[in-house]
Amino acid sequence: MAAAMAQEKVIKEQKYDRQLRLWGDHGQEALESSHVCLINATATGTEILKNLVLPGIGSFTIVDGNQVSGEDVGNNFFLQRSSIGKNRAQSVMELLQELNLDVSGNFVEESPEKLLDNDPSFFCRFNVVIASQLTESTLLRLAEILWDANIPFLVCRTYGLVGYMRIAIKEHTVIESHPDNALEDLRLDQQFPELRDHFQSYNFDQMDRKDHSHTPWIVVVAKFLETWYNENNGQIPKSYKEKEAFRDFIRRGILTKENGVPEDEENFEEAIKNVNTSLTATKIPSSIEELFIDPHCVSLSQESPPFWILIRALKEFVAKEGQGNLPVRGTIPDMIADSDKFIRLQSVYREKAIKDAAAVENHVGRLLQSVGKPPESIQQKDIRLFCRSSAFLRVIHCRSLAEEYSLDTFKKDDVASWIDNADSEIVLYLMLRAVDRFQKQHGRYPGVYNCQVEEDIGKLKSSLSVLLQEYGLSVIVKDDYIHEFCRYGAAEPHTIAAFLGGAAAQEIIKLITGQFVIFNNTFIYNGMSQTSATFQL
């Protein structure tokens, strides 16, 4: 039995190798335990699910009461001519499941409007709900239900050569934000006792050439920093000029031969190269300090999510054991050094990180007890992960669709400022809102019938004018956009749907795994110019 389970694990690791490198075992577990709902198996919706099924989403349910048409077969690669006349949800579900047998597929042969009328709580059973090509009235009804239930909602839409996505979620917390170019947490300016003792164990004056050249560059910087302190009133090099002087200080200390720097002194060159980043002041990011004063952190209750209990524990650690600093991350970069010296230095940082995490864990246990939650509510592995990532925590608050659409809370000034030129992507947003007005008034989208394209141009222009007037926007939209949106005829080209499907699946994976940072809150893709932009609407 154990051998079979081990073999199954190896097979899964081989199957999902590349993505495991991105979000790890815990991210994959979150993905495999999630259940996603797709409303409408359009070309866009199907492309999104394809990109979730392949990496191993746990299960999905498609809600769609439509039958497969010839148009569906023409732009949806997961539908065949033999599917025409069959339920679209079932047909797409069956073909998608063939991509990954680990994934469970379900379908509901009913329109979202009927489900909202008869069983609105149905949509609250999922980790994420995705809506594709919904009418405005249905969209707003569903968005309100999901907002109240705190279920992440992703709206996706392909309209001609325009792609649109909107995320609506009250609060999304991210522990592993994976920031680009994050600085190492070396604490050379605020050395903890164990690190200071380790540096003191080195004496360059008594080392032979071999030991000298195999010393990790972090130790080299720290040793020269000791002398620098003595000559500069205990101040760390801060300005560019001071850091340049410190680099020269190290250069003068390198043992040289007549023909220059020996090849075996590469660790000193590494030290010089890393002066700027290694001597960055250790401090708590302002974004983390803002979390410490957030009401969710200040006032805990039994309903408090684990994230905010961890934030409160972190705050208490900083005030006590951390002495004003976050927990040590516990990692160091690879470098030129002999294995023994590198491992000993690495162990100093790692052991300090474990010690700090244990202190945070004690705070967590006390806080859980104070709000009446069982101690196992937050696992040790989650606390250690939280501590390692404590400098990069993120909280995203999106606005609801109701706030975006309301005349009282619509961001009129922001929208006006974003139209810095006549071809800004925000114009496409206004056009999408205008075609929804057109659909509401005429029961169809502009240009769906070729014989009425010219007639619809005037009607769409009128819908746009009414929209702009209602929201108090004194902007001018070029007639070219009105003509273009009528020519689109609400078509859903597969090229745009495929692009949007990849982008949307990426955001859903972020939502499910709690890793990387989602966009906030509107994304628009212009297929005509192949440009995109995000807006906080």
Protein backbone atom coordinates (compact mmCIF):
# COMPACT_ATOMS: atom_id res chain seq x y z
CA MET A 1 0.00 0.00 0.00
CA ALA A 2 2.74 2.44 1.03
CA ALA A 3 4.78 1.54 -2.07
CA ALA A 4 1.77 2.17 -4.32
CA MET A 5 1.18 5.59 -2.73
CA ALA A 6 4.86 6.48 -3.13
CA GLN A 7 4.73 5.45 -6.79
CA GLU A 8 1.60 7.55 -7.32
CA LYS A 9 3.34 10.55 -5.75
CA VAL A 10 6.35 10.14 -8.06
CA ILE A 11 4.09 9.95 -11.12
CA LYS A 12 2.25 13.10 -10.04
CA GLU A 13 5.49 14.97 -9.41
CA GLN A 14 6.70 14.04 -12.89
CA LYS A 15 3.38 15.05 -14.43
CA TYR A 16 3.23 18.47 -12.74
CA ASP A 17 6.98 19.06 -12.44
CA ARG A 18 7.16 22.53 -13.96
CA GLN A 19 4.23 24.00 -12.06
CA LEU A 20 5.41 22.49 -8.77
CA ARG A 21 8.52 24.61 -9.19
CA LEU A 22 6.28 27.67 -9.39
CA TRP A 23 3.82 27.16 -6.53
CA GLY A 24 5.15 24.14 -4.65
CA ASP A 25 3.40 21.11 -3.16
CA HIS A 26 1.12 23.24 -0.99
CA GLY A 27 0.04 25.31 -3.98
CA GLN A 28 -0.73 22.16 -5.95
CA GLU A 29 -2.72 20.76 -3.03
CA ALA A 30 -4.80 23.93 -2.92
CA LEU A 31 -5.43 23.63 -6.65
CA GLU A 32 -6.40 19.96 -6.43
CA SER A 33 -8.85 20.57 -3.57
CA SER A 34 -10.66 23.45 -5.28
CA HIS A 35 -13.97 23.46 -7.13
CA VAL A 36 -14.51 26.08 -9.83
CA CYS A 37 -17.78 27.08 -11.48
CA LEU A 38 -17.93 28.32 -15.06
CA ILE A 39 -21.05 30.08 -16.28
CA ASN A 40 -21.46 29.63 -20.05
CA ALA A 41 -19.22 27.28 -22.00
CA THR A 42 -18.36 29.86 -24.64
CA ALA A 43 -15.05 29.86 -26.47
CA THR A 44 -13.60 32.13 -23.77
CA GLY A 45 -15.03 30.11 -20.89
CA THR A 46 -13.80 26.84 -22.39
CA GLU A 47 -10.29 28.21 -22.90
CA ILE A 48 -10.20 29.26 -19.24
CA LEU A 49 -11.22 25.80 -18.06
CA LYS A 50 -8.73 24.14 -20.40
CA ASN A 51 -5.95 26.08 -18.70
CA LEU A 52 -7.21 24.97 -15.28
CA VAL A 53 -7.82 21.32 -16.16
CA LEU A 54 -4.30 20.82 -17.52
CA PRO A 55 -2.51 21.82 -14.26
CA GLY A 56 -4.92 19.66 -12.24
CA ILE A 57 -7.79 21.70 -10.80
CA GLY A 58 -9.74 19.47 -8.42
CA SER A 59 -13.14 19.76 -10.07
CA PHE A 60 -15.22 22.07 -12.18
CA THR A 61 -18.90 22.60 -12.86
CA ILE A 62 -20.26 24.20 -16.02
CA VAL A 63 -23.61 26.01 -15.89
CA ASP A 64 -25.07 26.49 -19.35
CA GLY A 65 -28.61 25.91 -20.65
CA ASN A 66 -27.72 26.60 -24.29
CA GLN A 67 -27.49 24.07 -27.08
CA VAL A 68 -24.42 23.83 -29.27
CA SER A 69 -24.81 25.87 -32.45
CA GLY A 70 -22.83 26.02 -35.67
CA GLU A 71 -21.29 29.27 -34.44
CA ASP A 72 -20.03 27.49 -31.30
CA VAL A 73 -18.36 24.80 -33.40
CA GLY A 74 -16.76 27.50 -35.52
CA ASN A 75 -14.92 29.24 -32.68
CA ASN A 76 -14.66 26.64 -29.89
CA PHE A 77 -11.96 23.99 -30.39
CA PHE A 78 -13.62 21.77 -27.78
CA LEU A 79 -16.83 21.34 -29.73
CA GLN A 80 -17.36 19.21 -32.82
CA ARG A 81 -19.90 19.20 -35.61
CA SER A 82 -21.49 16.14 -33.99
CA SER A 83 -22.12 18.25 -30.87
CA ILE A 84 -24.60 20.56 -32.62
CA GLY A 85 -27.98 20.40 -30.92
CA LYS A 86 -26.61 18.89 -27.70
CA ASN A 87 -26.31 20.72 -24.41
CA ARG A 88 -23.22 22.93 -24.52
CA ALA A 89 -22.25 22.40 -20.86
CA GLN A 90 -22.26 18.61 -21.17
CA SER A 91 -20.44 18.55 -24.51
CA VAL A 92 -17.64 20.81 -23.32
CA MET A 93 -17.36 19.01 -19.98
CA GLU A 94 -16.90 15.61 -21.64
CA LEU A 95 -14.17 16.84 -23.99
CA LEU A 96 -12.32 18.81 -21.32
CA GLN A 97 -12.18 15.79 -19.01
CA GLU A 98 -10.22 13.90 -21.64
CA LEU A 99 -7.32 16.33 -21.05
CA ASN A 100 -6.72 15.21 -17.46
CA LEU A 101 -8.26 12.14 -15.86
CA ASP A 102 -7.34 13.47 -12.39
CA VAL A 103 -9.97 16.21 -12.75
CA SER A 104 -13.66 15.75 -12.00
CA GLY A 105 -16.11 17.52 -14.33
CA ASN A 106 -19.79 18.31 -13.76
CA PHE A 107 -22.43 20.21 -15.66
CA VAL A 108 -25.80 21.85 -14.96
CA GLU A 109 -28.13 22.02 -17.96
CA GLU A 110 -29.84 25.22 -16.90
CA SER A 111 -29.47 28.93 -17.53
CA PRO A 112 -27.79 31.06 -14.84
CA GLU A 113 -30.91 33.24 -14.75
CA LYS A 114 -33.08 30.29 -13.70
CA LEU A 115 -30.58 29.20 -11.07
CA LEU A 116 -30.49 32.72 -9.66
CA ASP A 117 -34.29 32.67 -9.45
CA ASN A 118 -34.66 29.20 -7.95
CA ASP A 119 -31.44 28.48 -6.04
CA PRO A 120 -29.11 31.50 -5.71
CA SER A 121 -27.09 29.78 -2.97
CA PHE A 122 -25.93 27.26 -5.60
CA PHE A 123 -23.15 29.64 -6.65
CA CYS A 124 -21.80 29.92 -3.11
CA ARG A 125 -20.55 26.32 -3.12
CA PHE A 126 -17.42 27.07 -5.13
CA ASN A 127 -13.93 28.42 -4.49
CA VAL A 128 -14.15 30.69 -7.54
CA VAL A 129 -16.97 31.55 -9.94
CA ILE A 130 -16.19 32.54 -13.54
CA ALA A 131 -18.75 34.26 -15.75
CA SER A 132 -18.35 34.40 -19.51
CA GLN A 133 -20.48 36.52 -21.83
CA LEU A 134 -23.22 37.35 -19.29
CA THR A 135 -25.72 40.14 -19.82
CA GLU A 136 -25.36 43.14 -17.52
CA SER A 137 -28.52 42.51 -15.49
CA THR A 138 -27.63 38.87 -14.76
CA LEU A 139 -24.04 39.84 -14.04
CA LEU A 140 -25.00 42.38 -11.39
CA ARG A 141 -27.44 39.98 -9.69
CA LEU A 142 -24.83 37.24 -9.47
CA ALA A 143 -22.08 39.64 -8.39
CA GLU A 144 -24.13 40.83 -5.42
CA ILE A 145 -24.74 37.28 -4.17
CA LEU A 146 -21.06 36.30 -4.48
CA TRP A 147 -19.88 39.55 -2.90
CA ASP A 148 -22.05 38.99 0.17
CA ALA A 149 -20.77 35.39 0.41
CA ASN A 150 -17.16 36.53 -0.09
CA ILE A 151 -16.71 34.18 -3.07
CA PRO A 152 -14.11 35.38 -5.62
CA PHE A 153 -15.81 36.33 -8.88
CA LEU A 154 -14.00 36.65 -12.22
CA VAL A 155 -15.90 38.20 -15.12
CA CYS A 156 -14.49 37.45 -18.58
CA ARG A 157 -15.64 38.72 -21.91
CA THR A 158 -14.47 38.57 -25.50
CA TYR A 159 -16.16 41.09 -27.76
CA GLY A 160 -14.69 41.19 -31.23
CA LEU A 161 -11.04 42.17 -30.86
CA VAL A 162 -11.49 43.30 -27.26
CA GLY A 163 -10.79 41.20 -24.16
CA TYR A 164 -12.12 42.20 -20.73
CA MET A 165 -11.63 40.79 -17.24
CA ARG A 166 -12.91 42.02 -13.89
CA ILE A 167 -12.11 40.55 -10.44
CA ALA A 168 -14.55 41.20 -7.60
CA ILE A 169 -13.51 40.06 -4.13
CA LYS A 170 -13.83 41.85 -0.80
CA GLU A 171 -10.42 40.83 0.47
CA HIS A 172 -7.71 38.65 -0.94
CA THR A 173 -4.66 37.94 1.21
CA VAL A 174 -1.34 36.83 -0.25
CA ILE A 175 1.43 35.29 1.83
CA GLU A 176 3.70 34.19 -1.01
CA SER A 177 3.69 37.17 -3.33
CA HIS A 178 6.97 36.11 -5.01
CA PRO A 179 8.27 39.66 -5.59
CA ASP A 180 10.79 40.27 -8.35
CA ASN A 181 14.33 41.21 -7.33
CA ALA A 182 13.71 40.81 -3.59
CA LEU A 183 16.76 41.69 -1.48
CA GLU A 184 18.30 39.03 0.74
CA ASP A 185 17.62 39.24 4.48
CA LEU A 186 21.22 39.25 5.78
CA ARG A 187 20.94 41.59 8.81
CA LEU A 188 24.53 42.83 8.44
CA ASP A 189 23.49 46.22 9.84
CA GLN A 190 21.60 44.65 12.77
CA GLN A 191 23.43 41.42 13.52
CA PHE A 192 21.70 39.04 15.93
CA PRO A 193 23.98 37.50 18.59
CA GLU A 194 24.42 34.12 16.88
CA LEU A 195 25.44 35.80 13.63
CA ARG A 196 27.83 38.16 15.40
CA ASP A 197 29.48 35.21 17.18
CA HIS A 198 29.87 33.39 13.87
CA PHE A 199 31.62 36.38 12.30
CA GLN A 200 33.88 36.68 15.34
CA SER A 201 35.06 33.10 14.80
CA TYR A 202 36.91 34.29 11.67
CA ASN A 203 40.33 35.94 11.96
CA PHE A 204 41.66 36.98 8.59
CA ASP A 205 45.10 37.84 10.00
CA GLN A 206 45.68 34.24 11.09
CA MET A 207 44.24 32.58 7.95
CA ASP A 208 46.36 31.04 5.25
CA ARG A 209 45.71 31.97 1.61
CA LYS A 210 43.46 28.96 0.97
CA ASP A 211 41.15 29.62 3.94
CA HIS A 212 41.16 33.30 3.12
CA SER A 213 39.92 32.72 -0.43
CA HIS A 214 37.24 30.17 0.54
CA THR A 215 35.46 32.43 3.03
CA PRO A 216 31.83 33.29 2.10
CA TRP A 217 31.51 36.85 0.81
CA ILE A 218 28.94 37.67 3.52
CA VAL A 219 31.64 37.04 6.12
CA VAL A 220 34.10 39.15 4.13
CA VAL A 221 31.70 42.11 4.10
CA ALA A 222 30.95 41.66 7.81
CA LYS A 223 34.65 41.55 8.79
CA PHE A 224 35.51 44.69 6.84
CA LEU A 225 32.39 46.30 8.27
CA GLU A 226 33.83 45.85 11.80
CA THR A 227 36.84 47.97 10.90
CA TRP A 228 34.67 50.47 9.03
CA TYR A 229 32.53 50.96 12.13
CA ASN A 230 35.59 51.80 14.20
CA GLU A 231 36.68 54.46 11.72
CA ASN A 232 33.19 55.92 11.04
CA ASN A 233 31.54 56.30 14.43
CA GLY A 234 29.69 52.98 14.19
CA GLN A 235 27.74 54.06 11.09
CA ILE A 236 27.00 51.68 8.21
CA PRO A 237 27.76 52.94 4.67
CA LYS A 238 24.50 54.45 3.44
CA SER A 239 25.02 56.87 0.55
CA TYR A 240 26.40 55.94 -2.85
CA LYS A 241 29.63 57.77 -2.01
CA GLU A 242 30.04 55.89 1.29
CA LYS A 243 29.39 52.52 -0.36
CA GLU A 244 31.96 53.29 -3.05
CA ALA A 245 34.44 54.13 -0.30
CA PHE A 246 33.61 50.84 1.41
CA ARG A 247 34.23 48.93 -1.85
CA ASP A 248 37.65 50.57 -2.10
CA PHE A 249 38.21 49.66 1.54
CA ILE A 250 37.69 45.96 0.70
CA ARG A 251 39.86 46.23 -2.44
CA ARG A 252 42.76 47.54 -0.40
CA GLY A 253 42.39 44.60 1.95
CA ILE A 254 42.67 41.95 -0.78
CA LEU A 255 45.98 40.05 -0.80
CA THR A 256 47.61 40.84 -4.13
CA LYS A 257 50.45 39.55 -6.24
CA GLU A 258 52.68 41.52 -8.54
CA ASN A 259 50.53 40.65 -11.53
CA GLY A 260 47.26 41.70 -9.88
CA VAL A 261 44.48 39.97 -7.93
CA PRO A 262 44.94 36.20 -7.65
CA GLU A 263 42.27 34.06 -9.30
CA ASP A 264 41.48 32.38 -5.99
CA GLU A 265 40.25 35.68 -4.45
CA GLU A 266 36.92 35.60 -6.35
CA ASN A 267 35.01 35.66 -3.05
CA PHE A 268 36.38 39.16 -2.38
CA GLU A 269 35.19 40.27 -5.81
CA GLU A 270 31.78 38.82 -4.90
CA ALA A 271 31.83 40.84 -1.69
CA ILE A 272 32.60 44.05 -3.59
CA LYS A 273 29.87 43.30 -6.11
CA ASN A 274 27.26 42.74 -3.39
CA VAL A 275 28.06 45.74 -1.17
CA ASN A 276 25.12 47.81 -2.37
CA THR A 277 22.39 45.21 -1.73
CA SER A 278 23.90 43.55 1.35
CA LEU A 279 24.19 46.84 3.24
CA THR A 280 20.60 47.92 2.70
CA ALA A 281 19.08 49.00 6.01
CA THR A 282 16.99 46.35 7.76
CA LYS A 283 13.52 47.77 8.33
CA ILE A 284 9.86 46.83 8.25
CA PRO A 285 8.20 47.74 4.91
CA SER A 286 5.54 50.45 5.21
CA SER A 287 2.98 48.06 3.67
CA ILE A 288 3.48 45.67 6.61
CA GLU A 289 3.25 48.48 9.16
CA GLU A 290 -0.11 49.40 7.61
CA LEU A 291 -1.33 45.85 8.22
CA PHE A 292 -0.33 46.16 11.89
CA ILE A 293 -2.74 49.08 12.36
CA ASP A 294 -5.53 47.58 10.27
CA PRO A 295 -8.75 47.08 12.31
CA HIS A 296 -8.72 43.38 11.35
CA CYS A 297 -5.37 43.05 13.17
CA VAL A 298 -6.20 45.29 16.13
CA SER A 299 -9.54 43.63 16.98
CA LEU A 300 -9.52 39.85 16.68
CA SER A 301 -12.56 37.63 17.14
CA GLN A 302 -13.58 34.03 16.62
CA GLU A 303 -14.51 34.96 13.03
CA SER A 304 -11.05 36.36 12.26
CA PRO A 305 -9.40 34.53 9.33
CA PRO A 306 -6.05 32.81 10.05
CA PHE A 307 -4.22 35.50 8.07
CA TRP A 308 -5.16 38.26 10.50
CA ILE A 309 -4.34 36.16 13.54
CA LEU A 310 -0.91 35.59 12.01
CA ILE A 311 -0.54 39.32 11.36
CA ARG A 312 -1.35 40.07 15.00
CA ALA A 313 1.16 37.43 16.17
CA LEU A 314 3.76 38.95 13.86
CA LYS A 315 3.07 42.40 15.29
CA GLU A 316 3.58 41.09 18.84
CA PHE A 317 6.79 39.33 17.81
CA VAL A 318 8.16 42.56 16.34
CA ALA A 319 7.37 44.43 19.56
CA LYS A 320 8.99 41.76 21.76
CA GLU A 321 11.40 39.08 20.53
CA GLY A 322 12.07 40.76 17.19
CA GLN A 323 13.11 44.03 18.85
CA GLY A 324 11.60 46.05 16.03
CA ASN A 325 12.38 43.61 13.22
CA LEU A 326 10.51 40.90 11.33
CA PRO A 327 11.51 37.22 11.72
CA VAL A 328 14.74 36.27 9.97
CA ARG A 329 13.98 34.72 6.59
CA GLY A 330 16.63 32.03 7.03
CA THR A 331 18.06 31.81 3.52
CA ILE A 332 21.29 33.03 1.93
CA PRO A 333 22.28 33.18 -1.74
CA ASP A 334 24.66 30.71 -3.32
CA MET A 335 28.27 31.93 -3.35
CA ILE A 336 31.91 31.01 -3.84
CA ALA A 337 33.04 29.28 -0.64
CA ASP A 338 34.05 25.84 0.57
CA SER A 339 31.12 23.65 1.53
CA ASP A 340 31.87 23.54 5.25
CA LYS A 341 32.04 27.33 5.66
CA PHE A 342 28.94 27.88 3.53
CA ILE A 343 26.89 25.27 5.42
CA ARG A 344 27.92 26.68 8.81
CA LEU A 345 26.89 30.19 7.77
CA GLN A 346 23.66 28.90 6.27
CA SER A 347 22.88 27.04 9.50
CA VAL A 348 23.24 30.23 11.56
CA TYR A 349 20.53 31.94 9.50
CA ARG A 350 18.33 28.84 9.31
CA GLU A 351 18.43 28.18 13.06
CA LYS A 352 17.62 31.80 13.81
CA ALA A 353 14.65 31.60 11.42
CA ILE A 354 13.38 28.48 13.22
CA LYS A 355 13.77 30.20 16.57
CA ASP A 356 11.88 33.29 15.38
CA ALA A 357 9.10 31.16 13.87
CA ALA A 358 8.77 29.30 17.19
CA ALA A 359 8.33 32.62 18.98
CA VAL A 360 5.62 33.66 16.49
CA GLU A 361 4.01 30.25 16.97
CA ASN A 362 3.75 30.90 20.72
CA HIS A 363 1.96 34.18 20.04
CA VAL A 364 -0.36 32.42 17.58
CA GLY A 365 -1.25 29.76 20.17
CA ARG A 366 -2.10 32.37 22.79
CA LEU A 367 -4.19 34.41 20.33
CA LEU A 368 -6.12 31.35 19.15
CA GLN A 369 -6.92 30.52 22.75
CA SER A 370 -8.04 34.10 23.46
CA VAL A 371 -10.60 34.05 20.61
CA GLY A 372 -11.81 30.53 21.35
CA LYS A 373 -10.27 28.74 18.39
CA PRO A 374 -8.59 25.32 18.64
CA PRO A 375 -4.74 25.36 18.53
CA GLU A 376 -4.71 23.22 15.38
CA SER A 377 -6.55 25.98 13.47
CA ILE A 378 -3.17 27.20 12.20
CA GLN A 379 -0.50 24.60 11.46
CA GLN A 380 3.19 24.96 12.30
CA LYS A 381 4.18 24.64 8.63
CA ASP A 382 1.87 27.52 7.77
CA ILE A 383 3.41 29.69 10.51
CA ARG A 384 6.93 28.99 9.24
CA LEU A 385 5.90 29.82 5.67
CA PHE A 386 4.27 33.02 6.92
CA CYS A 387 7.44 34.05 8.77
CA ARG A 388 9.65 33.41 5.73
CA SER A 389 7.37 35.62 3.64
CA SER A 390 6.56 38.24 6.27
CA ALA A 391 8.28 41.09 4.39
CA PHE A 392 6.21 40.49 1.26
CA LEU A 393 2.66 40.01 2.53
CA ARG A 394 -0.08 41.61 0.45
CA VAL A 395 -3.78 42.32 0.95
CA ILE A 396 -5.90 43.27 -2.07
CA HIS A 397 -9.32 44.88 -1.70
CA CYS A 398 -11.38 45.08 -4.86
CA ARG A 399 -14.43 47.25 -5.31
CA SER A 400 -17.74 45.52 -5.93
CA LEU A 401 -19.47 45.71 -9.30
CA ALA A 402 -22.35 47.48 -7.56
CA GLU A 403 -19.96 50.27 -6.51
CA GLU A 404 -18.50 50.47 -9.99
CA TYR A 405 -21.88 50.73 -11.69
CA SER A 406 -23.56 53.06 -9.19
CA LEU A 407 -23.88 56.69 -10.25
CA ASP A 408 -22.91 57.77 -6.73
CA THR A 409 -19.69 55.76 -6.47
CA PHE A 410 -18.57 55.54 -10.11
CA LYS A 411 -14.98 56.80 -10.45
CA LYS A 412 -15.85 59.63 -12.82
CA ASP A 413 -12.70 61.70 -12.23
CA ASP A 414 -10.40 58.70 -12.54
CA VAL A 415 -12.01 57.55 -15.79
CA ALA A 416 -11.72 61.07 -17.21
CA SER A 417 -8.03 61.23 -16.24
CA TRP A 418 -7.30 57.81 -17.78
CA ILE A 419 -8.47 59.01 -21.17
CA ASP A 420 -5.14 60.72 -21.75
CA ASN A 421 -5.50 60.07 -25.46
CA ALA A 422 -8.36 59.15 -27.75
CA ASP A 423 -7.11 55.54 -28.03
CA SER A 424 -6.71 54.73 -24.33
CA GLU A 425 -7.95 51.24 -23.38
CA ILE A 426 -10.48 52.86 -21.02
CA VAL A 427 -12.40 53.88 -24.17
CA LEU A 428 -12.97 50.17 -24.84
CA TYR A 429 -14.45 49.83 -21.35
CA LEU A 430 -16.90 52.63 -22.10
CA MET A 431 -17.80 50.97 -25.39
CA LEU A 432 -18.49 47.65 -23.65
CA ARG A 433 -20.77 49.46 -21.20
CA ALA A 434 -22.49 51.12 -24.18
CA VAL A 435 -23.15 47.84 -26.01
CA ASP A 436 -24.67 46.48 -22.78
CA ARG A 437 -27.01 49.50 -22.75
CA PHE A 438 -27.86 48.74 -26.36
CA GLN A 439 -28.61 45.10 -25.52
CA LYS A 440 -30.81 46.07 -22.60
CA GLN A 441 -32.84 48.41 -24.78
CA HIS A 442 -33.06 46.34 -27.97
CA GLY A 443 -32.80 42.76 -26.72
CA ARG A 444 -29.75 42.07 -28.87
CA TYR A 445 -26.22 43.36 -29.37
CA PRO A 446 -25.42 45.86 -32.16
CA GLY A 447 -24.47 44.45 -35.52
CA VAL A 448 -25.55 40.85 -34.89
CA TYR A 449 -27.58 41.08 -38.09
CA ASN A 450 -25.54 42.24 -41.07
CA CYS A 451 -28.49 44.03 -42.62
CA GLN A 452 -28.78 46.29 -39.57
CA VAL A 453 -25.16 47.31 -39.04
CA GLU A 454 -25.58 50.81 -40.50
CA GLU A 455 -28.81 51.36 -38.59
CA ASP A 456 -27.22 50.12 -35.35
CA ILE A 457 -24.35 52.62 -35.59
CA GLY A 458 -26.71 55.48 -34.80
CA LYS A 459 -28.42 53.52 -32.02
CA LEU A 460 -25.11 52.57 -30.40
CA LYS A 461 -23.92 56.17 -30.59
CA SER A 462 -27.11 57.17 -28.78
CA SER A 463 -26.56 54.50 -26.08
CA LEU A 464 -23.01 55.73 -25.55
CA SER A 465 -24.13 59.36 -25.28
CA VAL A 466 -26.75 58.47 -22.67
CA LEU A 467 -24.16 56.47 -20.68
CA LEU A 468 -21.62 59.31 -20.71
CA GLN A 469 -24.27 61.83 -19.74
CA GLU A 470 -25.55 59.72 -16.83
CA TYR A 471 -22.04 59.38 -15.38
CA GLY A 472 -21.17 63.01 -16.01
CA LEU A 473 -18.31 62.22 -18.39
CA SER A 474 -17.51 65.00 -20.83
CA VAL A 475 -15.30 62.88 -23.06
CA ILE A 476 -15.35 62.35 -26.78
CA VAL A 477 -15.23 58.83 -28.23
CA LYS A 478 -14.19 58.63 -31.85
CA ASP A 479 -16.82 57.40 -34.28
CA ASP A 480 -14.33 54.75 -35.45
CA TYR A 481 -14.92 52.85 -32.19
CA ILE A 482 -18.69 52.95 -32.61
CA HIS A 483 -18.42 51.63 -36.17
CA GLU A 484 -15.95 48.94 -35.09
CA PHE A 485 -18.11 47.65 -32.24
CA CYS A 486 -21.08 47.41 -34.59
CA ARG A 487 -19.00 45.45 -37.08
CA TYR A 488 -17.96 43.06 -34.29
CA GLY A 489 -21.56 41.92 -33.97
CA ALA A 490 -20.75 40.52 -30.49
CA ALA A 491 -18.52 37.90 -32.16
CA GLU A 492 -16.08 35.91 -30.04
CA PRO A 493 -12.96 35.26 -32.19
CA HIS A 494 -10.99 32.29 -30.95
CA THR A 495 -7.66 34.11 -31.05
CA ILE A 496 -8.84 36.68 -28.50
CA ALA A 497 -10.70 34.03 -26.48
CA ALA A 498 -7.55 31.89 -26.27
CA PHE A 499 -5.42 34.82 -25.10
CA LEU A 500 -7.99 35.83 -22.50
CA GLY A 501 -8.40 32.21 -21.40
CA GLY A 502 -4.71 31.96 -20.56
CA ALA A 503 -4.67 35.28 -18.71
CA ALA A 504 -7.83 34.48 -16.74
CA ALA A 505 -6.64 31.00 -15.71
CA GLN A 506 -3.45 32.55 -14.39
CA GLU A 507 -5.45 34.91 -12.14
CA ILE A 508 -7.69 32.07 -10.92
CA ILE A 509 -4.65 30.01 -9.95
CA LYS A 510 -3.37 33.02 -7.99
CA LEU A 511 -6.73 33.28 -6.20
CA ILE A 512 -6.83 29.58 -5.33
CA THR A 513 -3.21 29.12 -4.25
CA GLY A 514 -2.92 32.47 -2.48
CA GLN A 515 0.38 32.99 -4.32
CA PHE A 516 1.50 35.85 -6.57
CA VAL A 517 -0.53 39.07 -6.77
CA ILE A 518 -3.79 39.36 -8.70
CA PHE A 519 -4.57 42.48 -10.74
CA ASN A 520 -6.92 45.00 -9.16
CA ASN A 521 -9.48 45.07 -10.62
CA THR A 522 -10.10 45.54 -14.37
CA PHE A 523 -7.99 44.27 -17.27
CA ILE A 524 -8.62 45.27 -20.87
CA TYR A 525 -6.88 43.84 -23.91
CA ASN A 526 -6.92 45.62 -27.25
CA GLY A 527 -6.43 43.04 -29.98
CA MET A 528 -6.23 45.74 -32.64
CA SER A 529 -3.06 47.28 -31.19
CA GLN A 530 -2.07 44.24 -29.08
CA THR A 531 -1.83 46.37 -25.95
CA SER A 532 -3.41 45.99 -22.53
CA ALA A 533 -4.02 48.02 -19.38
CA THR A 534 -5.38 47.58 -15.86
CA PHE A 535 -7.68 50.00 -14.06
CA GLN A 536 -9.11 50.23 -10.54
CA LEU A 537 -12.75 50.91 -11.36
